[in-house]
C-alpha atoms as a PDB file:
ATOM      1  CA  MET A   1      13.261  17.004   0.022  1.00  0.00           C
ATOM      2  CA  ILE A   2      10.712  14.359   1.014  1.00  0.00           C
ATOM      3  CA  ASP A   3      10.232  13.753   4.725  1.00  0.00           C
ATOM      4  CA  ARG A   4      10.688  10.017   5.413  1.00  0.00           C
ATOM      5  CA  ALA A   5       8.005   9.792   8.092  1.00  0.00           C
ATOM      6  CA  GLU A   6       5.465  11.593   5.910  1.00  0.00           C
ATOM      7  CA  PHE A   7       6.340   9.375   2.938  1.00  0.00           C
ATOM      8  CA  GLN A   8       5.876   6.225   5.061  1.00  0.00           C
ATOM      9  CA  ALA A   9       2.535   7.476   6.359  1.00  0.00           C
ATOM     10  CA  GLN A  10       1.276   8.324   2.860  1.00  0.00           C
ATOM     11  CA  LEU A  11       2.439   4.989   1.431  1.00  0.00           C
ATOM     12  CA  GLY A  12       0.618   3.190   4.243  1.00  0.00           C
ATOM     13  CA  TYR A  13      -2.529   5.218   3.647  1.00  0.00           C
ATOM     14  CA  ARG A  14      -2.477   4.406  -0.070  1.00  0.00           C
ATOM     15  CA  LEU A  15      -1.865   0.712   0.624  1.00  0.00           C
ATOM     16  CA  ARG A  16      -4.844   0.544   3.004  1.00  0.00           C
ATOM     17  CA  LEU A  17      -7.091   2.525   0.645  1.00  0.00           C
ATOM     18  CA  ILE A  18      -6.332   0.263  -2.330  1.00  0.00           C
ATOM     19  CA  ARG A  19      -6.514  -2.930  -0.251  1.00  0.00           C
ATOM     20  CA  ASN A  20      -9.930  -1.954   1.100  1.00  0.00           C
ATOM     21  CA  HIS A  21     -11.131  -0.954  -2.360  1.00  0.00           C
ATOM     22  CA  ARG A  22     -10.112  -4.394  -3.630  1.00  0.00           C
ATOM     23  CA  GLY A  23     -11.977  -6.042  -0.743  1.00  0.00           C
ATOM     24  CA  LEU A  24      -8.871  -7.773   0.590  1.00  0.00           C
ATOM     25  CA  THR A  25      -7.851  -8.380   4.177  1.00  0.00           C
ATOM     26  CA  GLN A  26      -4.349  -7.733   5.457  1.00  0.00           C
ATOM     27  CA  PHE A  27      -3.921 -11.497   5.746  1.00  0.00           C
ATOM     28  CA  GLU A  28      -4.902 -12.050   2.086  1.00  0.00           C
ATOM     29  CA  VAL A  29      -2.471  -9.413   0.843  1.00  0.00           C
ATOM     30  CA  ALA A  30       0.290 -10.788   3.048  1.00  0.00           C
ATOM     31  CA  HIS A  31      -0.322 -14.350   1.846  1.00  0.00           C
ATOM     32  CA  ARG A  32      -0.249 -13.317  -1.809  1.00  0.00           C
ATOM     33  CA  ALA A  33       2.846 -11.141  -1.263  1.00  0.00           C
ATOM     34  CA  GLY A  34       4.727 -13.853   0.629  1.00  0.00           C
ATOM     35  CA  CYS A  35       5.036 -12.035   3.935  1.00  0.00           C
ATOM     36  CA  VAL A  36       3.296 -12.011   7.314  1.00  0.00           C
ATOM     37  CA  LYS A  37       0.193  -9.963   8.158  1.00  0.00           C
ATOM     38  CA  GLN A  38       2.233  -7.836  10.563  1.00  0.00           C
ATOM     39  CA  THR A  39       4.299  -6.500   7.635  1.00  0.00           C
ATOM     40  CA  ILE A  40       1.149  -5.237   5.916  1.00  0.00           C
ATOM     41  CA  SER A  41      -0.215  -3.831   9.180  1.00  0.00           C
ATOM     42  CA  ASN A  42       3.050  -2.045   9.992  1.00  0.00           C
ATOM     43  CA  THR A  43       3.275  -0.643   6.476  1.00  0.00           C
ATOM     44  CA  GLU A  44      -0.282   0.664   6.611  1.00  0.00           C
ATOM     45  CA  ARG A  45       0.387   2.313   9.973  1.00  0.00           C
ATOM     46  CA  GLY A  46       3.545   3.981   8.677  1.00  0.00           C
ATOM     47  CA  ILE A  47       5.830   1.985  10.959  1.00  0.00           C
ATOM     48  CA  TYR A  48       7.575  -0.003   8.224  1.00  0.00           C
ATOM     49  CA  LEU A  49       8.943   1.335   4.938  1.00  0.00           C
ATOM     50  CA  PRO A  50       9.082  -1.565   2.468  1.00  0.00           C
ATOM     51  CA  SER A  51      11.886  -2.016  -0.030  1.00  0.00           C
ATOM     52  CA  LEU A  52      11.334  -0.946  -3.606  1.00  0.00           C
ATOM     53  CA  LEU A  53      11.221  -4.609  -4.629  1.00  0.00           C
ATOM     54  CA  PHE A  54       8.445  -5.275  -2.102  1.00  0.00           C
ATOM     55  CA  VAL A  55       6.498  -2.244  -3.372  1.00  0.00           C
ATOM     56  CA  PHE A  56       6.557  -3.903  -6.796  1.00  0.00           C
ATOM     57  CA  VAL A  57       5.307  -7.154  -5.263  1.00  0.00           C
ATOM     58  CA  LEU A  58       2.483  -5.298  -3.496  1.00  0.00           C
ATOM     59  CA  SER A  59       1.564  -3.488  -6.700  1.00  0.00           C
ATOM     60  CA  GLU A  60       1.232  -6.838  -8.488  1.00  0.00           C
ATOM     61  CA  VAL A  61      -0.916  -8.242  -5.677  1.00  0.00           C
ATOM     62  CA  LEU A  62      -3.143  -5.151  -5.694  1.00  0.00           C
ATOM     63  CA  GLU A  63      -3.121  -4.852  -9.501  1.00  0.00           C
ATOM     64  CA  VAL A  64      -1.975  -1.227  -9.564  1.00  0.00           C
ATOM     65  CA  HIS A  65       1.063   0.502 -11.017  1.00  0.00           C
ATOM     66  CA  PRO A  66       3.892   0.863  -8.466  1.00  0.00           C
ATOM     67  CA  LYS A  67       3.732   4.662  -8.806  1.00  0.00           C
ATOM     68  CA  THR A  68       0.179   4.512  -7.452  1.00  0.00           C
ATOM     69  CA  LEU A  69       1.483   3.070  -4.192  1.00  0.00           C
ATOM     70  CA  LEU A  70       4.519   5.320  -4.094  1.00  0.00           C
ATOM     71  CA  PHE A  71       3.005   8.638  -5.140  1.00  0.00           C
ATOM     72  CA  GLY A  72      -0.735   8.259  -5.758  1.00  0.00           C
ATOM     73  CA  ASP A  73      -2.601   9.149  -8.949  1.00  0.00           C
ATOM     74  CA  GLU A  74      -6.046  10.045 -10.247  1.00  0.00           C
ATOM     75  CA  GLU A  75      -7.337   6.468  -9.894  1.00  0.00           C
ATOM     76  CA  LEU A  76      -6.438   6.523  -6.211  1.00  0.00           C
ATOM     77  CA  ILE A  77      -8.291   9.807  -5.702  1.00  0.00           C
ATOM     78  CA  GLU A  78     -11.404   8.121  -7.104  1.00  0.00           C
ATOM     79  CA  TYR A  79     -11.032   5.248  -4.608  1.00  0.00           C
ATOM     80  CA  GLY A  80     -11.023   7.750  -1.777  1.00  0.00           C
ATOM     81  CA  ARG A  81     -14.196   9.416  -3.042  1.00  0.00           C
ATOM     82  CA  ARG A  82     -16.072   6.121  -3.088  1.00  0.00           C
ATOM     83  CA  ASP A  83     -15.041   4.969   0.392  1.00  0.00           C
END
């Protein structure tokens, strides 16, 4: 079984990693996703677990497949190596 807190933390880490790789600020992502900056900040810090619908919105904003945000993939590993 997946631990909720660990899942939230990993989702937040992946969101921050991809956002930084894309050169976007939290404000820019929030604006494009139709939310406030605090939502992005809280998600990245593992405080907020977004709905599945919002994960799809974020994936469109960041131009990645939703599974990349939810579970990671090889592309994400490459982002981490470059940063």
